[in-house]
C-alpha atoms as a PDB file:
ATOM      1  CA  UNK A   1      -8.712   6.464  -3.740  1.00  0.00           C
ATOM      2  CA  UNK A   2      -8.546   3.541  -1.308  1.00  0.00           C
ATOM      3  CA  UNK A   3      -7.404   1.210  -4.037  1.00  0.00           C
ATOM      4  CA  UNK A   4      -4.846   3.880  -5.288  1.00  0.00           C
ATOM      5  CA  UNK A   5      -3.363   4.267  -1.601  1.00  0.00           C
ATOM      6  CA  UNK A   6      -3.404   0.488  -1.329  1.00  0.00           C
ATOM      7  CA  UNK A   7      -1.509   0.035  -4.462  1.00  0.00           C
ATOM      8  CA  UNK A   8       0.897   2.561  -3.737  1.00  0.00           C
ATOM      9  CA  UNK A   9       1.579   1.453  -0.167  1.00  0.00           C
ATOM     10  CA  UNK A  10       1.997  -2.268  -1.475  1.00  0.00           C
ATOM     11  CA  UNK A  11       4.703  -1.170  -4.015  1.00  0.00           C
ATOM     12  CA  UNK A  12       6.620   0.813  -1.401  1.00  0.00           C
ATOM     13  CA  UNK A  13       6.483  -1.973   0.745  1.00  0.00           C
ATOM     14  CA  UNK A  14       7.914  -4.199  -2.063  1.00  0.00           C
ATOM     15  CA  UNK A  15      10.538  -1.738  -3.151  1.00  0.00           C
ATOM     16  CA  UNK A  16      11.806  -1.442   0.657  1.00  0.00           C
ATOM     17  CA  UNK A  17      11.823  -5.150   0.798  1.00  0.00           C
ATOM     18  CA  UNK A  18      13.711  -5.555  -2.440  1.00  0.00           C
ATOM     19  CA  UNK A  19      16.339  -2.911  -1.659  1.00  0.00           C
ATOM     20  CA  UNK A  20      17.349  -3.777   2.131  1.00  0.00           C
ATOM     21  CA  UNK A  21      19.902  -6.088   3.049  1.00  0.00           C
ATOM     22  CA  UNK A  22      18.247  -7.954   6.227  1.00  0.00           C
ATOM     23  CA  UNK A  23      19.994 -10.948   7.551  1.00  0.00           C
ATOM     24  CA  UNK A  24      18.280 -11.443  10.927  1.00  0.00           C
ATOM     25  CA  UNK A  25      15.013  -9.259  11.193  1.00  0.00           C
ATOM     26  CA  UNK A  26      14.333 -10.186  14.868  1.00  0.00           C
ATOM     27  CA  UNK A  27      17.706  -8.220  15.882  1.00  0.00           C
ATOM     28  CA  UNK A  28      16.565  -5.319  13.727  1.00  0.00           C
ATOM     29  CA  UNK A  29      14.286  -2.573  15.524  1.00  0.00           C
ATOM     30  CA  UNK A  30      14.242   0.659  13.400  1.00  0.00           C
ATOM     31  CA  UNK A  31      13.776  -1.156   9.833  1.00  0.00           C
ATOM     32  CA  UNK A  32      10.824  -2.069   7.679  1.00  0.00           C
ATOM     33  CA  UNK A  33      10.906  -5.704   7.173  1.00  0.00           C
ATOM     34  CA  UNK A  34       8.552  -8.853   7.073  1.00  0.00           C
ATOM     35  CA  UNK A  35       8.803 -10.992   9.987  1.00  0.00           C
ATOM     36  CA  UNK A  36       8.333 -14.823   9.506  1.00  0.00           C
ATOM     37  CA  UNK A  37       7.060 -15.642  12.855  1.00  0.00           C
ATOM     38  CA  UNK A  38       4.084 -13.594  11.966  1.00  0.00           C
ATOM     39  CA  UNK A  39       2.872 -15.560   8.940  1.00  0.00           C
ATOM     40  CA  UNK A  40      -0.048 -17.922   9.549  1.00  0.00           C
ATOM     41  CA  UNK A  41      -3.617 -17.755  11.003  1.00  0.00           C
ATOM     42  CA  UNK A  42      -4.302 -15.306  14.081  1.00  0.00           C
ATOM     43  CA  UNK A  43      -7.520 -15.042  16.179  1.00  0.00           C
ATOM     44  CA  UNK A  44      -8.550 -11.524  16.949  1.00  0.00           C
ATOM     45  CA  UNK A  45     -11.601  -9.400  17.966  1.00  0.00           C
ATOM     46  CA  UNK A  46     -13.077  -6.592  15.652  1.00  0.00           C
ATOM     47  CA  UNK A  47     -14.510  -3.444  16.821  1.00  0.00           C
ATOM     48  CA  UNK A  48     -17.416  -4.933  17.758  1.00  0.00           C
ATOM     49  CA  UNK A  49     -15.979  -7.617  19.853  1.00  0.00           C
ATOM     50  CA  UNK A  50     -16.457 -10.295  17.458  1.00  0.00           C
ATOM     51  CA  UNK A  51     -13.686 -13.074  16.877  1.00  0.00           C
ATOM     52  CA  UNK A  52     -12.376 -13.292  13.280  1.00  0.00           C
ATOM     53  CA  UNK A  53      -9.338 -15.137  11.982  1.00  0.00           C
ATOM     54  CA  UNK A  54      -6.801 -13.427  10.237  1.00  0.00           C
ATOM     55  CA  UNK A  55      -4.218 -15.097   7.812  1.00  0.00           C
ATOM     56  CA  UNK A  56      -0.764 -13.475   7.153  1.00  0.00           C
ATOM     57  CA  UNK A  57       0.961 -14.258   4.289  1.00  0.00           C
ATOM     58  CA  UNK A  58       4.560 -13.918   3.401  1.00  0.00           C
ATOM     59  CA  UNK A  59       3.982 -11.608   0.569  1.00  0.00           C
ATOM     60  CA  UNK A  60       2.636  -8.893   2.863  1.00  0.00           C
ATOM     61  CA  UNK A  61      -0.975  -9.606   2.293  1.00  0.00           C
ATOM     62  CA  UNK A  62      -3.512 -10.142   5.158  1.00  0.00           C
ATOM     63  CA  UNK A  63      -7.048 -11.664   4.583  1.00  0.00           C
ATOM     64  CA  UNK A  64      -9.803 -11.964   7.390  1.00  0.00           C
ATOM     65  CA  UNK A  65     -12.538 -14.174   7.699  1.00  0.00           C
ATOM     66  CA  UNK A  66     -14.789 -11.449   7.613  1.00  0.00           C
ATOM     67  CA  UNK A  67     -13.922 -10.953   4.269  1.00  0.00           C
ATOM     68  CA  UNK A  68     -11.475  -7.909   5.100  1.00  0.00           C
ATOM     69  CA  UNK A  69      -8.445  -7.221   2.731  1.00  0.00           C
ATOM     70  CA  UNK A  70      -5.057  -5.593   3.736  1.00  0.00           C
ATOM     71  CA  UNK A  71      -1.435  -5.643   4.060  1.00  0.00           C
ATOM     72  CA  UNK A  72       1.249  -6.044   6.782  1.00  0.00           C
ATOM     73  CA  UNK A  73       4.680  -4.824   7.890  1.00  0.00           C
ATOM     74  CA  UNK A  74       6.964  -5.028  11.026  1.00  0.00           C
ATOM     75  CA  UNK A  75       8.124  -1.808  12.466  1.00  0.00           C
ATOM     76  CA  UNK A  76      10.078  -1.546  15.882  1.00  0.00           C
ATOM     77  CA  UNK A  77       8.501  -4.911  17.574  1.00  0.00           C
ATOM     78  CA  UNK A  78       4.860  -3.968  16.113  1.00  0.00           C
ATOM     79  CA  UNK A  79       3.275  -5.773  13.360  1.00  0.00           C
ATOM     80  CA  UNK A  80       0.982  -3.627  11.419  1.00  0.00           C
ATOM     81  CA  UNK A  81      -1.917  -4.710   9.584  1.00  0.00           C
ATOM     82  CA  UNK A  82      -3.628  -1.777   7.150  1.00  0.00           C
ATOM     83  CA  UNK A  83      -7.060  -2.695   6.092  1.00  0.00           C
ATOM     84  CA  UNK A  84      -8.708  -1.399   2.904  1.00  0.00           C
ATOM     85  CA  UNK A  85     -11.434  -0.059   4.708  1.00  0.00           C
ATOM     86  CA  UNK A  86      -8.930   2.264   6.674  1.00  0.00           C
ATOM     87  CA  UNK A  87      -8.650   0.788   9.849  1.00  0.00           C
ATOM     88  CA  UNK A  88      -5.131  -0.125  11.260  1.00  0.00           C
ATOM     89  CA  UNK A  89      -4.605  -2.831  13.792  1.00  0.00           C
ATOM     90  CA  UNK A  90      -0.759  -3.247  15.447  1.00  0.00           C
ATOM     91  CA  UNK A  91      -0.210  -6.459  17.050  1.00  0.00           C
ATOM     92  CA  UNK A  92       2.848  -6.639  19.758  1.00  0.00           C
ATOM     93  CA  UNK A  93       4.113  -9.275  22.028  1.00  0.00           C
ATOM     94  CA  UNK A  94       3.251  -8.377  25.901  1.00  0.00           C
ATOM     95  CA  UNK A  95       5.071 -10.961  28.189  1.00  0.00           C
ATOM     96  CA  UNK A  96       3.928 -14.167  27.401  1.00  0.00           C
ATOM     97  CA  UNK A  97       1.145 -13.459  25.064  1.00  0.00           C
ATOM     98  CA  UNK A  98       0.358 -11.001  21.850  1.00  0.00           C
ATOM     99  CA  UNK A  99      -1.892  -8.132  22.231  1.00  0.00           C
ATOM    100  CA  UNK A 100      -3.912  -6.348  19.291  1.00  0.00           C
ATOM    101  CA  UNK A 101      -4.689  -2.681  19.028  1.00  0.00           C
ATOM    102  CA  UNK A 102      -7.258  -1.554  16.626  1.00  0.00           C
ATOM    103  CA  UNK A 103      -7.394   2.053  15.270  1.00  0.00           C
ATOM    104  CA  UNK A 104     -10.639   3.264  13.238  1.00  0.00           C
ATOM    105  CA  UNK A 105      -9.615   5.346  10.135  1.00  0.00           C
ATOM    106  CA  UNK A 106      -8.316   8.892  10.656  1.00  0.00           C
ATOM    107  CA  UNK A 107      -6.981   7.904  14.208  1.00  0.00           C
ATOM    108  CA  UNK A 108      -3.317   8.337  14.806  1.00  0.00           C
ATOM    109  CA  UNK A 109      -1.455   4.983  16.208  1.00  0.00           C
ATOM    110  CA  UNK A 110       0.209   7.583  18.680  1.00  0.00           C
ATOM    111  CA  UNK A 111      -3.195   8.120  20.243  1.00  0.00           C
ATOM    112  CA  UNK A 112      -5.209   5.508  22.480  1.00  0.00           C
ATOM    113  CA  UNK A 113      -6.405   2.596  20.661  1.00  0.00           C
ATOM    114  CA  UNK A 114     -10.250   2.428  19.472  1.00  0.00           C
ATOM    115  CA  UNK A 115     -10.174  -1.235  20.414  1.00  0.00           C
ATOM    116  CA  UNK A 116      -7.751  -3.992  21.961  1.00  0.00           C
ATOM    117  CA  UNK A 117      -7.871  -7.688  22.255  1.00  0.00           C
ATOM    118  CA  UNK A 118      -5.874 -10.635  22.870  1.00  0.00           C
ATOM    119  CA  UNK A 119      -4.064 -11.895  19.413  1.00  0.00           C
ATOM    120  CA  UNK A 120      -4.014 -15.618  19.426  1.00  0.00           C
ATOM    121  CA  UNK A 121      -1.570 -17.351  17.130  1.00  0.00           C
ATOM    122  CA  UNK A 122      -3.506 -20.433  16.138  1.00  0.00           C
ATOM    123  CA  UNK A 123      -1.851 -22.080  12.897  1.00  0.00           C
ATOM    124  CA  UNK A 124       1.714 -21.319  11.471  1.00  0.00           C
ATOM    125  CA  UNK A 125       1.940 -20.972   7.593  1.00  0.00           C
END
């Protein structure tokens, strides 16, 4: 079931990206689109407080140094990372740094985050 969801979700993202006419994604706030500034390597903490490196690729995929696999998209100033194990992370710029909010499977992103840590951009793609 998770593989079917991931495949369907990825197809939806590709369809949206292919059908959209986005010329300056930084100025749009309510559209789903990729964010070039997000691509590259980031350091975050997982739900156990362990530091991991995630790599965000331009094709919408994301890989973690802990072997986690997921996809990403950008909506209303949040970078959403959806993982194969059901977790969802959101990264948002807060003043002069980025913050990561983690949500365990089955938890709404409208609720309080299960965990939270700083997200540090360590390498651009």
